[in-house]
Amino acid sequence: MQAVATAHIHLDDRGVSWIDDTNVKVIEVVMERIAHGSSPEEIHFQHPHLSLAQIHAALSYYYDHQQDLDAEIQRELEEVAELEAEAADSPIHRRLRAAGLIR
């Protein structure tokens, strides 16, 4: 399915969906909903610079493009896991482990 911008949502030149007049990606609102189970009202409370209309539009856009956005979320989670694995053996982590400050 080709992504098409909707009210309150626009796509940048890379096809990333953003909430109009903000520096907030649709995926950021979606991840808050998924991670914390936040309702639109709770998201608005945590991010008062977003209107409820913008939040609902972001969630609506997500449900219309769920497969693509879920795949992007999965890619981001895998990238974070890779970075964490790489950092686990960094010099600072070795020193902190040697000092008994981390496992």
N, C-alpha and C. Protein backbone atom coordinates (compact mmCIF):
# COMPACT_ATOMS: atom_id res chain seq x y z
N MET A 1 0.85 -1.18 0.00
CA MET A 1 0.00 0.00 0.00
C MET A 1 0.89 1.24 0.00
N GLN A 2 0.62 2.16 -0.89
CA GLN A 2 1.39 3.38 -0.96
C GLN A 2 0.93 4.34 0.13
N ALA A 3 1.90 4.93 0.84
CA ALA A 3 1.58 5.86 1.92
C ALA A 3 1.13 7.19 1.32
N VAL A 4 0.04 7.71 1.83
CA VAL A 4 -0.50 8.99 1.40
C VAL A 4 -0.74 9.82 2.64
N ALA A 5 -0.33 11.07 2.61
CA ALA A 5 -0.54 11.96 3.74
C ALA A 5 -2.04 12.22 3.92
N THR A 6 -2.42 12.47 5.17
CA THR A 6 -3.80 12.78 5.50
C THR A 6 -3.82 14.06 6.32
N ALA A 7 -5.02 14.47 6.75
CA ALA A 7 -5.13 15.68 7.58
C ALA A 7 -4.23 15.54 8.80
N HIS A 8 -3.48 16.56 9.09
CA HIS A 8 -2.55 16.65 10.22
C HIS A 8 -1.27 15.85 10.03
N ILE A 9 -1.15 15.10 8.94
CA ILE A 9 0.01 14.25 8.71
C ILE A 9 0.60 14.58 7.35
N HIS A 10 1.93 14.66 7.30
CA HIS A 10 2.58 14.83 6.00
C HIS A 10 3.77 13.89 5.92
N LEU A 11 4.17 13.60 4.69
CA LEU A 11 5.32 12.74 4.44
C LEU A 11 6.49 13.59 3.98
N ASP A 12 7.67 13.29 4.53
CA ASP A 12 8.85 14.00 4.05
C ASP A 12 9.35 13.34 2.78
N ASP A 13 10.46 13.83 2.24
CA ASP A 13 10.96 13.32 0.97
C ASP A 13 11.47 11.88 1.06
N ARG A 14 11.64 11.36 2.29
CA ARG A 14 12.05 9.95 2.47
C ARG A 14 10.84 9.05 2.75
N GLY A 15 9.64 9.64 2.79
CA GLY A 15 8.44 8.87 3.04
C GLY A 15 8.12 8.69 4.52
N VAL A 16 8.81 9.43 5.38
CA VAL A 16 8.56 9.36 6.82
C VAL A 16 7.37 10.24 7.15
N SER A 17 6.44 9.70 7.95
CA SER A 17 5.23 10.44 8.30
C SER A 17 5.45 11.28 9.55
N TRP A 18 5.08 12.54 9.46
CA TRP A 18 5.25 13.51 10.54
C TRP A 18 3.90 14.15 10.85
N ILE A 19 3.75 14.59 12.08
CA ILE A 19 2.57 15.36 12.47
C ILE A 19 2.82 16.80 12.04
N ASP A 20 1.86 17.38 11.32
CA ASP A 20 2.00 18.75 10.82
C ASP A 20 2.36 19.73 11.93
N ASP A 21 3.21 20.69 11.56
CA ASP A 21 3.59 21.81 12.43
C ASP A 21 4.26 21.37 13.72
N THR A 22 4.88 20.19 13.71
CA THR A 22 5.61 19.69 14.88
C THR A 22 6.90 19.04 14.39
N ASN A 23 7.72 18.65 15.34
CA ASN A 23 8.89 17.84 15.00
C ASN A 23 8.69 16.42 15.53
N VAL A 24 7.45 15.94 15.48
CA VAL A 24 7.08 14.63 16.01
C VAL A 24 6.68 13.70 14.86
N LYS A 25 7.33 12.54 14.83
CA LYS A 25 6.99 11.53 13.84
C LYS A 25 5.76 10.75 14.31
N VAL A 26 4.97 10.30 13.38
CA VAL A 26 3.81 9.47 13.70
C VAL A 26 4.26 8.25 14.51
N ILE A 27 5.37 7.65 14.12
CA ILE A 27 5.84 6.44 14.78
C ILE A 27 6.15 6.67 16.26
N GLU A 28 6.51 7.89 16.63
CA GLU A 28 6.79 8.20 18.04
C GLU A 28 5.51 8.14 18.87
N VAL A 29 4.42 8.65 18.33
CA VAL A 29 3.13 8.58 19.03
C VAL A 29 2.69 7.12 19.12
N VAL A 30 2.86 6.40 18.03
CA VAL A 30 2.48 4.98 17.99
C VAL A 30 3.27 4.18 19.02
N MET A 31 4.56 4.42 19.11
CA MET A 31 5.39 3.67 20.06
C MET A 31 4.98 3.97 21.50
N GLU A 32 4.57 5.19 21.77
CA GLU A 32 4.08 5.51 23.11
C GLU A 32 2.79 4.74 23.40
N ARG A 33 1.95 4.67 22.41
CA ARG A 33 0.69 3.92 22.56
C ARG A 33 0.98 2.44 22.82
N ILE A 34 1.90 1.86 22.03
CA ILE A 34 2.23 0.44 22.15
C ILE A 34 2.98 0.16 23.46
N ALA A 35 4.00 0.95 23.75
CA ALA A 35 4.86 0.69 24.90
C ALA A 35 4.15 0.88 26.23
N HIS A 36 3.32 1.91 26.31
CA HIS A 36 2.70 2.26 27.59
C HIS A 36 1.19 2.03 27.62
N GLY A 37 0.61 1.69 26.48
CA GLY A 37 -0.83 1.52 26.42
C GLY A 37 -1.57 2.83 26.62
N SER A 38 -0.91 3.92 26.29
CA SER A 38 -1.48 5.25 26.53
C SER A 38 -2.67 5.52 25.63
N SER A 39 -3.69 6.11 26.21
CA SER A 39 -4.84 6.57 25.42
C SER A 39 -4.44 7.89 24.75
N PRO A 40 -5.20 8.30 23.74
CA PRO A 40 -4.92 9.61 23.14
C PRO A 40 -4.91 10.74 24.18
N GLU A 41 -5.80 10.66 25.15
CA GLU A 41 -5.84 11.69 26.19
C GLU A 41 -4.57 11.67 27.05
N GLU A 42 -4.08 10.47 27.36
CA GLU A 42 -2.84 10.37 28.14
C GLU A 42 -1.65 10.89 27.33
N ILE A 43 -1.62 10.58 26.05
CA ILE A 43 -0.55 11.09 25.19
C ILE A 43 -0.61 12.60 25.15
N HIS A 44 -1.81 13.16 25.05
CA HIS A 44 -1.97 14.62 25.04
C HIS A 44 -1.49 15.22 26.36
N PHE A 45 -1.78 14.58 27.47
CA PHE A 45 -1.34 15.06 28.78
C PHE A 45 0.19 15.09 28.84
N GLN A 46 0.83 14.05 28.30
CA GLN A 46 2.29 13.98 28.31
C GLN A 46 2.93 14.90 27.28
N HIS A 47 2.19 15.20 26.22
CA HIS A 47 2.70 16.04 25.12
C HIS A 47 1.66 17.10 24.78
N PRO A 48 1.47 18.09 25.64
CA PRO A 48 0.39 19.06 25.43
C PRO A 48 0.55 19.91 24.17
N HIS A 49 1.75 19.90 23.57
CA HIS A 49 1.93 20.63 22.32
C HIS A 49 1.26 19.94 21.14
N LEU A 50 0.83 18.67 21.34
CA LEU A 50 0.07 17.95 20.32
C LEU A 50 -1.41 18.06 20.65
N SER A 51 -2.19 18.41 19.66
CA SER A 51 -3.64 18.45 19.88
C SER A 51 -4.19 17.03 19.83
N LEU A 52 -5.37 16.86 20.41
CA LEU A 52 -6.01 15.55 20.31
C LEU A 52 -6.27 15.18 18.85
N ALA A 53 -6.60 16.16 18.03
CA ALA A 53 -6.82 15.89 16.61
C ALA A 53 -5.55 15.36 15.96
N GLN A 54 -4.40 15.94 16.30
CA GLN A 54 -3.13 15.47 15.75
C GLN A 54 -2.82 14.04 16.21
N ILE A 55 -3.08 13.78 17.49
CA ILE A 55 -2.81 12.45 18.04
C ILE A 55 -3.72 11.41 17.38
N HIS A 56 -5.00 11.72 17.27
CA HIS A 56 -5.93 10.80 16.62
C HIS A 56 -5.55 10.60 15.15
N ALA A 57 -5.11 11.66 14.49
CA ALA A 57 -4.69 11.53 13.09
C ALA A 57 -3.47 10.61 12.98
N ALA A 58 -2.53 10.75 13.91
CA ALA A 58 -1.35 9.90 13.90
C ALA A 58 -1.74 8.44 14.10
N LEU A 59 -2.63 8.19 15.03
CA LEU A 59 -3.07 6.81 15.29
C LEU A 59 -3.87 6.27 14.10
N SER A 60 -4.69 7.11 13.51
CA SER A 60 -5.45 6.70 12.33
C SER A 60 -4.50 6.35 11.18
N TYR A 61 -3.50 7.19 10.99
CA TYR A 61 -2.51 6.93 9.95
C TYR A 61 -1.81 5.59 10.22
N TYR A 62 -1.50 5.35 11.48
CA TYR A 62 -0.86 4.08 11.86
C TYR A 62 -1.75 2.90 11.47
N TYR A 63 -3.02 2.95 11.84
CA TYR A 63 -3.90 1.82 11.55
C TYR A 63 -4.09 1.62 10.04
N ASP A 64 -4.02 2.70 9.27
CA ASP A 64 -4.10 2.59 7.82
C ASP A 64 -2.83 2.02 7.20
N HIS A 65 -1.70 2.13 7.92
CA HIS A 65 -0.39 1.70 7.41
C HIS A 65 0.33 0.82 8.43
N GLN A 66 -0.44 0.06 9.17
CA GLN A 66 0.09 -0.69 10.30
C GLN A 66 1.21 -1.66 9.91
N GLN A 67 1.05 -2.37 8.86
CA GLN A 67 2.06 -3.36 8.47
C GLN A 67 3.41 -2.69 8.22
N ASP A 68 3.42 -1.58 7.49
CA ASP A 68 4.67 -0.88 7.20
C ASP A 68 5.28 -0.28 8.45
N LEU A 69 4.45 0.35 9.29
CA LEU A 69 4.98 0.97 10.49
C LEU A 69 5.44 -0.07 11.51
N ASP A 70 4.72 -1.18 11.63
CA ASP A 70 5.17 -2.25 12.53
C ASP A 70 6.51 -2.80 12.08
N ALA A 71 6.70 -2.93 10.77
CA ALA A 71 8.00 -3.40 10.25
C ALA A 71 9.10 -2.40 10.58
N GLU A 72 8.81 -1.12 10.49
CA GLU A 72 9.80 -0.08 10.84
C GLU A 72 10.13 -0.14 12.33
N ILE A 73 9.12 -0.30 13.16
CA ILE A 73 9.35 -0.42 14.61
C ILE A 73 10.23 -1.63 14.88
N GLN A 74 9.97 -2.74 14.24
CA GLN A 74 10.77 -3.95 14.44
C GLN A 74 12.22 -3.71 14.01
N ARG A 75 12.43 -3.04 12.88
CA ARG A 75 13.79 -2.72 12.42
C ARG A 75 14.51 -1.85 13.44
N GLU A 76 13.81 -0.86 13.99
CA GLU A 76 14.43 0.01 14.99
C GLU A 76 14.78 -0.76 16.26
N LEU A 77 13.91 -1.66 16.70
CA LEU A 77 14.20 -2.46 17.89
C LEU A 77 15.41 -3.37 17.66
N GLU A 78 15.51 -3.95 16.47
CA GLU A 78 16.66 -4.79 16.15
C GLU A 78 17.94 -3.97 16.11
N GLU A 79 17.88 -2.77 15.59
CA GLU A 79 19.06 -1.90 15.54
C GLU A 79 19.51 -1.52 16.96
N VAL A 80 18.56 -1.23 17.83
CA VAL A 80 18.89 -0.91 19.22
C VAL A 80 19.55 -2.11 19.89
N ALA A 81 19.01 -3.30 19.66
CA ALA A 81 19.59 -4.51 20.25
C ALA A 81 21.02 -4.72 19.77
N GLU A 82 21.26 -4.48 18.48
CA GLU A 82 22.62 -4.61 17.94
C GLU A 82 23.56 -3.60 18.58
N LEU A 83 23.10 -2.36 18.72
CA LEU A 83 23.94 -1.33 19.34
C LEU A 83 24.24 -1.65 20.80
N GLU A 84 23.22 -2.17 21.50
CA GLU A 84 23.44 -2.56 22.89
C GLU A 84 24.47 -3.68 22.99
N ALA A 85 24.39 -4.64 22.09
CA ALA A 85 25.35 -5.75 22.09
C ALA A 85 26.75 -5.25 21.81
N GLU A 86 26.88 -4.33 20.87
CA GLU A 86 28.19 -3.76 20.56
C GLU A 86 28.75 -2.97 21.73
N ALA A 87 27.89 -2.24 22.41
CA ALA A 87 28.33 -1.40 23.52
C ALA A 87 28.66 -2.21 24.77
N ALA A 88 28.14 -3.43 24.85
CA ALA A 88 28.35 -4.25 26.05
C ALA A 88 29.82 -4.54 26.29
N ASP A 89 30.62 -4.52 25.24
CA ASP A 89 32.04 -4.80 25.41
C ASP A 89 32.90 -3.56 25.16
N SER A 90 32.33 -2.40 25.36
CA SER A 90 33.09 -1.18 25.16
C SER A 90 34.08 -0.99 26.31
N PRO A 91 35.09 -0.20 26.12
CA PRO A 91 36.08 0.02 27.20
C PRO A 91 35.45 0.53 28.49
N ILE A 92 34.48 1.41 28.39
CA ILE A 92 33.86 1.94 29.61
C ILE A 92 33.07 0.86 30.34
N HIS A 93 32.40 0.00 29.57
CA HIS A 93 31.67 -1.11 30.21
C HIS A 93 32.64 -2.08 30.88
N ARG A 94 33.77 -2.34 30.25
CA ARG A 94 34.76 -3.23 30.88
C ARG A 94 35.26 -2.64 32.19
N ARG A 95 35.53 -1.33 32.21
CA ARG A 95 36.00 -0.68 33.45
C ARG A 95 34.91 -0.70 34.52
N LEU A 96 33.67 -0.44 34.12
CA LEU A 96 32.57 -0.46 35.10
C LEU A 96 32.35 -1.86 35.66
N ARG A 97 32.44 -2.89 34.80
CA ARG A 97 32.32 -4.27 35.28
C ARG A 97 33.46 -4.60 36.23
N ALA A 98 34.68 -4.21 35.89
CA ALA A 98 35.83 -4.48 36.73
C ALA A 98 35.68 -3.81 38.08
N ALA A 99 35.03 -2.66 38.11
CA ALA A 99 34.82 -1.93 39.37
C ALA A 99 33.61 -2.46 40.12
N GLY A 100 32.89 -3.41 39.51
CA GLY A 100 31.71 -3.97 40.16
C GLY A 100 30.49 -3.07 40.12
N LEU A 101 30.50 -2.09 39.23
CA LEU A 101 29.38 -1.14 39.16
C LEU A 101 28.27 -1.60 38.23
N ILE A 102 28.57 -2.49 37.29
CA ILE A 102 27.55 -3.09 36.43
C ILE A 102 27.87 -4.56 36.25
N ARG A 103 26.93 -5.30 35.74
CA ARG A 103 27.13 -6.73 35.49
C ARG A 103 27.65 -6.99 34.12
